[in-house]
Amino acid sequence: MHNADLLIIGPGSFLTSLMPLFLMNDLTQALQACRAAIIYIGNLGKELNQPAANMQLSEKIAMIEKHIGQQKIDAVIAGPVTDTSSLPDRIVLQRKLADQNVCYRHDRDLLRQAIEDMAHKIHQLKPFNLSPYPNAS
């Protein structure tokens, strides 16, 4: 993580899959120290866990950053109907990401393309190595 250029959080069930990771002090300390850009990927479907289902995207990001101890999430990738209006200080990419057969699952190709596009947007603001093989000449 110390040498990473880009970190991705999500997608996943917010309170039962993602947040438990932020309860580990070693991880939050590493995130505080890392210089990598961080992308949060929101879920497409409604959370089955009622407390998480009632949270806005901005509340989820605030909760993650509260556990990290500082603002660290640079960018958000979300579906087209997600309310991102309360994220003016983040790079936001919204587009169709759903699998055509299972609407609450991400289509792998659409999500991969969204991550690549977001990486390029972030790179324009905060240059880093975009090569999948950083040590290649």
N, C-alpha and C. Protein backbone atom coordinates (compact mmCIF):
# COMPACT_ATOMS: atom_id res chain seq x y z
N MET A 1 0.82 -1.19 0.00
CA MET A 1 0.00 0.00 0.00
C MET A 1 0.87 1.26 0.00
N HIS A 2 2.02 1.17 0.65
CA HIS A 2 2.91 2.32 0.74
C HIS A 2 3.36 2.82 -0.63
N ASN A 3 3.56 1.91 -1.58
CA ASN A 3 4.03 2.28 -2.91
C ASN A 3 2.92 2.35 -3.96
N ALA A 4 1.68 2.17 -3.54
CA ALA A 4 0.56 2.15 -4.49
C ALA A 4 0.31 3.54 -5.06
N ASP A 5 -0.14 3.55 -6.31
CA ASP A 5 -0.56 4.79 -6.95
C ASP A 5 -2.06 4.99 -6.85
N LEU A 6 -2.78 3.88 -6.73
CA LEU A 6 -4.24 3.93 -6.75
C LEU A 6 -4.79 2.81 -5.88
N LEU A 7 -5.75 3.14 -5.02
CA LEU A 7 -6.43 2.15 -4.19
C LEU A 7 -7.92 2.21 -4.48
N ILE A 8 -8.57 1.06 -4.42
CA ILE A 8 -10.00 0.98 -4.68
C ILE A 8 -10.69 0.39 -3.46
N ILE A 9 -11.75 1.06 -3.01
CA ILE A 9 -12.58 0.57 -1.92
C ILE A 9 -13.94 0.24 -2.51
N GLY A 10 -14.38 -1.00 -2.36
CA GLY A 10 -15.68 -1.42 -2.86
C GLY A 10 -15.57 -2.08 -4.21
N PRO A 11 -16.68 -2.46 -4.76
CA PRO A 11 -18.01 -2.46 -4.15
C PRO A 11 -18.14 -3.59 -3.13
N GLY A 12 -19.15 -3.50 -2.34
CA GLY A 12 -19.42 -4.52 -1.34
C GLY A 12 -20.44 -4.02 -0.33
N SER A 13 -20.99 -4.95 0.41
CA SER A 13 -21.94 -4.60 1.45
C SER A 13 -21.23 -3.67 2.44
N PHE A 14 -21.77 -2.49 2.64
CA PHE A 14 -21.04 -1.45 3.35
C PHE A 14 -20.69 -1.81 4.79
N LEU A 15 -21.69 -2.14 5.59
CA LEU A 15 -21.42 -2.37 7.01
C LEU A 15 -20.86 -3.75 7.31
N THR A 16 -21.13 -4.73 6.48
CA THR A 16 -20.68 -6.08 6.80
C THR A 16 -19.46 -6.54 6.01
N SER A 17 -19.13 -5.88 4.91
CA SER A 17 -17.94 -6.26 4.14
C SER A 17 -16.86 -5.19 4.14
N LEU A 18 -17.25 -3.94 3.97
CA LEU A 18 -16.25 -2.88 3.85
C LEU A 18 -15.82 -2.31 5.21
N MET A 19 -16.75 -1.91 6.04
CA MET A 19 -16.41 -1.23 7.29
C MET A 19 -15.58 -2.07 8.26
N PRO A 20 -15.77 -3.39 8.33
CA PRO A 20 -14.91 -4.15 9.25
C PRO A 20 -13.41 -3.97 8.98
N LEU A 21 -13.05 -3.74 7.73
CA LEU A 21 -11.64 -3.51 7.40
C LEU A 21 -11.10 -2.26 8.08
N PHE A 22 -11.94 -1.25 8.23
CA PHE A 22 -11.51 0.02 8.81
C PHE A 22 -11.48 0.00 10.33
N LEU A 23 -11.78 -1.15 10.91
CA LEU A 23 -11.66 -1.30 12.36
C LEU A 23 -10.26 -1.76 12.74
N MET A 24 -9.44 -2.10 11.73
CA MET A 24 -8.06 -2.54 11.98
C MET A 24 -7.13 -1.33 11.97
N ASN A 25 -6.50 -1.08 13.10
CA ASN A 25 -5.63 0.08 13.24
C ASN A 25 -4.49 0.08 12.23
N ASP A 26 -3.92 -1.08 11.95
CA ASP A 26 -2.81 -1.14 10.98
C ASP A 26 -3.25 -0.63 9.62
N LEU A 27 -4.46 -0.99 9.21
CA LEU A 27 -4.96 -0.54 7.91
C LEU A 27 -5.22 0.96 7.91
N THR A 28 -5.89 1.46 8.92
CA THR A 28 -6.18 2.89 8.93
C THR A 28 -4.91 3.73 9.03
N GLN A 29 -3.92 3.26 9.76
CA GLN A 29 -2.65 3.98 9.83
C GLN A 29 -1.93 3.96 8.48
N ALA A 30 -1.99 2.83 7.78
CA ALA A 30 -1.38 2.74 6.45
C ALA A 30 -2.10 3.66 5.48
N LEU A 31 -3.42 3.75 5.58
CA LEU A 31 -4.18 4.65 4.72
C LEU A 31 -3.86 6.11 5.02
N GLN A 32 -3.67 6.44 6.28
CA GLN A 32 -3.30 7.81 6.64
C GLN A 32 -1.97 8.20 6.00
N ALA A 33 -1.04 7.26 5.95
CA ALA A 33 0.30 7.54 5.45
C ALA A 33 0.43 7.42 3.93
N CYS A 34 -0.48 6.72 3.30
CA CYS A 34 -0.32 6.47 1.86
C CYS A 34 -0.63 7.72 1.04
N ARG A 35 0.04 7.82 -0.09
CA ARG A 35 -0.16 8.96 -0.98
C ARG A 35 -1.00 8.59 -2.19
N ALA A 36 -1.44 7.36 -2.26
CA ALA A 36 -2.21 6.90 -3.40
C ALA A 36 -3.56 7.60 -3.49
N ALA A 37 -4.03 7.77 -4.71
CA ALA A 37 -5.40 8.24 -4.91
C ALA A 37 -6.33 7.09 -4.51
N ILE A 38 -7.46 7.43 -3.93
CA ILE A 38 -8.40 6.39 -3.48
C ILE A 38 -9.74 6.62 -4.17
N ILE A 39 -10.24 5.52 -4.77
CA ILE A 39 -11.54 5.52 -5.43
C ILE A 39 -12.50 4.68 -4.60
N TYR A 40 -13.68 5.21 -4.35
CA TYR A 40 -14.75 4.44 -3.70
C TYR A 40 -15.76 4.05 -4.77
N ILE A 41 -16.11 2.77 -4.81
CA ILE A 41 -17.11 2.28 -5.77
C ILE A 41 -18.37 1.93 -4.99
N GLY A 42 -19.45 2.62 -5.31
CA GLY A 42 -20.72 2.39 -4.63
C GLY A 42 -21.45 1.17 -5.16
N ASN A 43 -22.26 0.59 -4.29
CA ASN A 43 -23.10 -0.53 -4.70
C ASN A 43 -24.20 -0.06 -5.64
N LEU A 44 -24.70 -0.98 -6.46
CA LEU A 44 -25.79 -0.65 -7.37
C LEU A 44 -27.15 -0.93 -6.76
N GLY A 45 -27.24 -2.03 -6.04
CA GLY A 45 -28.52 -2.42 -5.46
C GLY A 45 -28.70 -1.86 -4.06
N LYS A 46 -29.90 -1.94 -3.58
CA LYS A 46 -30.21 -1.50 -2.22
C LYS A 46 -29.57 -2.47 -1.24
N GLU A 47 -28.93 -1.94 -0.23
CA GLU A 47 -28.31 -2.77 0.81
C GLU A 47 -29.38 -3.59 1.52
N LEU A 48 -29.07 -4.83 1.82
CA LEU A 48 -30.00 -5.68 2.56
C LEU A 48 -29.97 -5.34 4.05
N ASN A 49 -28.86 -4.85 4.53
CA ASN A 49 -28.71 -4.44 5.92
C ASN A 49 -29.43 -3.10 6.08
N GLN A 50 -30.46 -3.05 6.92
CA GLN A 50 -31.31 -1.86 7.02
C GLN A 50 -30.56 -0.57 7.38
N PRO A 51 -29.65 -0.59 8.35
CA PRO A 51 -28.93 0.66 8.63
C PRO A 51 -28.14 1.16 7.41
N ALA A 52 -27.48 0.26 6.70
CA ALA A 52 -26.72 0.67 5.50
C ALA A 52 -27.65 1.12 4.39
N ALA A 53 -28.81 0.48 4.30
CA ALA A 53 -29.77 0.84 3.26
C ALA A 53 -30.27 2.28 3.42
N ASN A 54 -30.26 2.77 4.64
CA ASN A 54 -30.75 4.12 4.93
C ASN A 54 -29.67 5.19 4.80
N MET A 55 -28.44 4.78 4.52
CA MET A 55 -27.33 5.75 4.44
C MET A 55 -27.18 6.30 3.02
N GLN A 56 -26.92 7.59 2.95
CA GLN A 56 -26.58 8.23 1.68
C GLN A 56 -25.11 7.94 1.36
N LEU A 57 -24.75 8.07 0.11
CA LEU A 57 -23.37 7.86 -0.31
C LEU A 57 -22.41 8.75 0.48
N SER A 58 -22.77 10.00 0.66
CA SER A 58 -21.91 10.92 1.41
C SER A 58 -21.72 10.48 2.86
N GLU A 59 -22.73 9.87 3.45
CA GLU A 59 -22.62 9.37 4.82
C GLU A 59 -21.67 8.18 4.89
N LYS A 60 -21.71 7.34 3.88
CA LYS A 60 -20.80 6.18 3.84
C LYS A 60 -19.35 6.65 3.73
N ILE A 61 -19.11 7.60 2.86
CA ILE A 61 -17.76 8.11 2.69
C ILE A 61 -17.29 8.80 3.98
N ALA A 62 -18.17 9.56 4.61
CA ALA A 62 -17.83 10.22 5.87
C ALA A 62 -17.49 9.20 6.95
N MET A 63 -18.21 8.10 7.00
CA MET A 63 -17.94 7.08 8.01
C MET A 63 -16.58 6.42 7.76
N ILE A 64 -16.28 6.13 6.52
CA ILE A 64 -14.97 5.55 6.20
C ILE A 64 -13.86 6.51 6.63
N GLU A 65 -14.01 7.76 6.25
CA GLU A 65 -12.96 8.74 6.55
C GLU A 65 -12.86 9.05 8.04
N LYS A 66 -13.95 8.93 8.76
CA LYS A 66 -13.89 9.10 10.22
C LYS A 66 -13.00 8.01 10.82
N HIS A 67 -13.14 6.78 10.30
CA HIS A 67 -12.32 5.69 10.82
C HIS A 67 -10.86 5.81 10.37
N ILE A 68 -10.64 6.36 9.19
CA ILE A 68 -9.26 6.58 8.74
C ILE A 68 -8.63 7.73 9.54
N GLY A 69 -9.44 8.72 9.86
CA GLY A 69 -8.95 9.85 10.64
C GLY A 69 -8.69 11.10 9.82
N GLN A 70 -9.00 11.04 8.53
CA GLN A 70 -8.83 12.21 7.67
C GLN A 70 -9.51 11.96 6.32
N GLN A 71 -9.71 13.04 5.58
CA GLN A 71 -10.31 12.91 4.24
C GLN A 71 -9.28 12.26 3.32
N LYS A 72 -9.62 11.13 2.76
CA LYS A 72 -8.69 10.40 1.90
C LYS A 72 -9.30 9.97 0.57
N ILE A 73 -10.62 9.90 0.48
CA ILE A 73 -11.25 9.40 -0.75
C ILE A 73 -11.29 10.54 -1.77
N ASP A 74 -10.59 10.32 -2.87
CA ASP A 74 -10.46 11.34 -3.90
C ASP A 74 -11.60 11.29 -4.91
N ALA A 75 -12.12 10.08 -5.15
CA ALA A 75 -13.05 9.91 -6.27
C ALA A 75 -14.09 8.86 -5.95
N VAL A 76 -15.21 8.97 -6.66
CA VAL A 76 -16.33 8.05 -6.46
C VAL A 76 -16.84 7.59 -7.82
N ILE A 77 -17.06 6.29 -7.93
CA ILE A 77 -17.72 5.72 -9.11
C ILE A 77 -19.07 5.21 -8.64
N ALA A 78 -20.13 5.64 -9.31
CA ALA A 78 -21.49 5.28 -8.89
C ALA A 78 -22.39 5.07 -10.10
N GLY A 79 -23.48 4.39 -9.86
CA GLY A 79 -24.49 4.21 -10.90
C GLY A 79 -25.18 5.52 -11.22
N PRO A 80 -25.92 5.55 -12.32
CA PRO A 80 -26.52 6.80 -12.80
C PRO A 80 -27.61 7.39 -11.91
N VAL A 81 -28.23 6.61 -11.04
CA VAL A 81 -29.32 7.14 -10.21
C VAL A 81 -28.88 7.48 -8.78
N THR A 82 -27.62 7.26 -8.47
CA THR A 82 -27.10 7.57 -7.14
C THR A 82 -26.99 9.08 -6.96
N ASP A 83 -27.44 9.56 -5.80
CA ASP A 83 -27.33 10.99 -5.50
C ASP A 83 -25.89 11.31 -5.10
N THR A 84 -25.22 12.09 -5.93
CA THR A 84 -23.84 12.49 -5.65
C THR A 84 -23.73 14.00 -5.41
N SER A 85 -24.86 14.65 -5.26
CA SER A 85 -24.87 16.12 -5.13
C SER A 85 -24.14 16.60 -3.88
N SER A 86 -24.02 15.76 -2.86
CA SER A 86 -23.35 16.18 -1.63
C SER A 86 -21.86 15.84 -1.64
N LEU A 87 -21.30 15.61 -2.83
CA LEU A 87 -19.88 15.28 -2.95
C LEU A 87 -19.16 16.28 -3.86
N PRO A 88 -19.29 17.58 -3.61
CA PRO A 88 -18.70 18.56 -4.52
C PRO A 88 -17.18 18.57 -4.51
N ASP A 89 -16.56 18.03 -3.46
CA ASP A 89 -15.11 18.06 -3.34
C ASP A 89 -14.45 16.76 -3.78
N ARG A 90 -15.20 15.93 -4.52
CA ARG A 90 -14.68 14.64 -5.01
C ARG A 90 -14.83 14.60 -6.53
N ILE A 91 -14.00 13.80 -7.16
CA ILE A 91 -14.18 13.53 -8.58
C ILE A 91 -15.25 12.44 -8.66
N VAL A 92 -16.31 12.69 -9.39
CA VAL A 92 -17.41 11.74 -9.47
C VAL A 92 -17.61 11.29 -10.91
N LEU A 93 -17.72 10.00 -11.08
CA LEU A 93 -18.02 9.42 -12.38
C LEU A 93 -19.28 8.59 -12.21
N GLN A 94 -20.33 8.97 -12.91
CA GLN A 94 -21.59 8.24 -12.86
C GLN A 94 -21.92 7.73 -14.25
N ARG A 95 -22.26 6.45 -14.30
CA ARG A 95 -22.66 5.85 -15.56
C ARG A 95 -23.31 4.50 -15.32
N LYS A 96 -23.84 3.95 -16.38
CA LYS A 96 -24.44 2.62 -16.31
C LYS A 96 -23.33 1.62 -15.99
N LEU A 97 -23.52 0.87 -14.92
CA LEU A 97 -22.54 -0.12 -14.49
C LEU A 97 -23.17 -1.50 -14.28
N ALA A 98 -24.50 -1.56 -14.37
CA ALA A 98 -25.21 -2.78 -14.01
C ALA A 98 -25.10 -3.86 -15.08
N ASP A 99 -25.01 -5.08 -14.61
CA ASP A 99 -25.07 -6.25 -15.49
C ASP A 99 -26.46 -6.31 -16.10
N GLN A 100 -26.55 -6.63 -17.37
CA GLN A 100 -27.87 -6.63 -18.02
C GLN A 100 -28.78 -7.74 -17.52
N ASN A 101 -28.22 -8.79 -16.92
CA ASN A 101 -29.04 -9.90 -16.44
C ASN A 101 -29.37 -9.81 -14.95
N VAL A 102 -28.50 -9.16 -14.19
CA VAL A 102 -28.71 -9.02 -12.74
C VAL A 102 -28.46 -7.56 -12.39
N CYS A 103 -29.51 -6.77 -12.30
CA CYS A 103 -29.40 -5.31 -12.21
C CYS A 103 -28.67 -4.80 -10.97
N TYR A 104 -28.57 -5.60 -9.91
CA TYR A 104 -27.89 -5.14 -8.71
C TYR A 104 -26.42 -5.58 -8.67
N ARG A 105 -25.94 -6.19 -9.75
CA ARG A 105 -24.53 -6.58 -9.84
C ARG A 105 -23.82 -5.72 -10.89
N HIS A 106 -22.56 -5.45 -10.64
CA HIS A 106 -21.77 -4.68 -11.60
C HIS A 106 -21.39 -5.57 -12.79
N ASP A 107 -21.50 -5.02 -13.98
CA ASP A 107 -20.97 -5.69 -15.17
C ASP A 107 -19.45 -5.51 -15.12
N ARG A 108 -18.72 -6.59 -15.22
CA ARG A 108 -17.26 -6.52 -15.05
C ARG A 108 -16.60 -5.60 -16.07
N ASP A 109 -17.04 -5.68 -17.32
CA ASP A 109 -16.42 -4.84 -18.36
C ASP A 109 -16.76 -3.37 -18.16
N LEU A 110 -18.01 -3.08 -17.80
CA LEU A 110 -18.40 -1.68 -17.57
C LEU A 110 -17.66 -1.11 -16.36
N LEU A 111 -17.53 -1.92 -15.32
CA LEU A 111 -16.82 -1.46 -14.12
C LEU A 111 -15.33 -1.27 -14.42
N ARG A 112 -14.73 -2.20 -15.13
CA ARG A 112 -13.32 -2.07 -15.50
C ARG A 112 -13.09 -0.78 -16.29
N GLN A 113 -13.98 -0.51 -17.25
CA GLN A 113 -13.84 0.71 -18.06
C GLN A 113 -14.02 1.96 -17.21
N ALA A 114 -14.95 1.92 -16.27
CA ALA A 114 -15.16 3.06 -15.37
C ALA A 114 -13.93 3.30 -14.51
N ILE A 115 -13.31 2.24 -14.01
CA ILE A 115 -12.10 2.38 -13.20
C ILE A 115 -10.97 2.96 -14.04
N GLU A 116 -10.81 2.46 -15.26
CA GLU A 116 -9.77 3.00 -16.15
C GLU A 116 -10.01 4.48 -16.44
N ASP A 117 -11.26 4.83 -16.74
CA ASP A 117 -11.58 6.23 -17.03
C ASP A 117 -11.32 7.12 -15.82
N MET A 118 -11.69 6.63 -14.64
CA MET A 118 -11.45 7.41 -13.42
C MET A 118 -9.95 7.54 -13.16
N ALA A 119 -9.20 6.48 -13.38
CA ALA A 119 -7.75 6.55 -13.20
C ALA A 119 -7.15 7.63 -14.09
N HIS A 120 -7.64 7.72 -15.32
CA HIS A 120 -7.14 8.76 -16.23
C HIS A 120 -7.52 10.16 -15.74
N LYS A 121 -8.75 10.32 -15.22
CA LYS A 121 -9.16 11.62 -14.68
C LYS A 121 -8.28 12.02 -13.50
N ILE A 122 -8.05 11.06 -12.61
CA ILE A 122 -7.21 11.34 -11.43
C ILE A 122 -5.79 11.65 -11.87
N HIS A 123 -5.30 10.89 -12.84
CA HIS A 123 -3.93 11.07 -13.33
C HIS A 123 -3.72 12.49 -13.87
N GLN A 124 -4.74 13.06 -14.46
CA GLN A 124 -4.63 14.43 -14.97
C GLN A 124 -4.40 15.43 -13.83
N LEU A 125 -4.97 15.13 -12.66
CA LEU A 125 -4.85 16.03 -11.51
C LEU A 125 -3.68 15.67 -10.60
N LYS A 126 -3.37 14.39 -10.55
CA LYS A 126 -2.37 13.87 -9.61
C LYS A 126 -1.59 12.77 -10.34
N PRO A 127 -0.62 13.15 -11.18
CA PRO A 127 0.06 12.17 -12.04
C PRO A 127 0.66 10.98 -11.29
N PHE A 128 0.48 9.81 -11.87
CA PHE A 128 1.07 8.57 -11.38
C PHE A 128 1.24 7.64 -12.57
N ASN A 129 1.93 6.54 -12.36
CA ASN A 129 2.22 5.59 -13.43
C ASN A 129 0.96 4.80 -13.78
N LEU A 130 0.46 4.93 -15.02
CA LEU A 130 -0.74 4.23 -15.45
C LEU A 130 -0.44 2.85 -16.06
N SER A 131 0.82 2.50 -16.17
CA SER A 131 1.18 1.21 -16.77
C SER A 131 0.79 0.07 -15.83
N PRO A 132 0.19 -1.00 -16.37
CA PRO A 132 -0.11 -2.15 -15.52
C PRO A 132 1.17 -2.88 -15.11
N TYR A 133 2.29 -2.54 -15.75
CA TYR A 133 3.58 -3.15 -15.44
C TYR A 133 4.57 -2.04 -15.09
N PRO A 134 4.49 -1.50 -13.86
CA PRO A 134 5.26 -0.32 -13.50
C PRO A 134 6.77 -0.46 -13.63
N ASN A 135 7.31 -1.66 -13.56
CA ASN A 135 8.75 -1.83 -13.64
C ASN A 135 9.22 -2.13 -15.05
N ALA A 136 8.29 -2.19 -16.00
CA ALA A 136 8.67 -2.49 -17.39
C ALA A 136 9.34 -1.26 -18.01
N SER A 137 10.28 -1.51 -18.90
CA SER A 137 10.93 -0.35 -19.55
C SER A 137 10.38 -0.09 -20.91
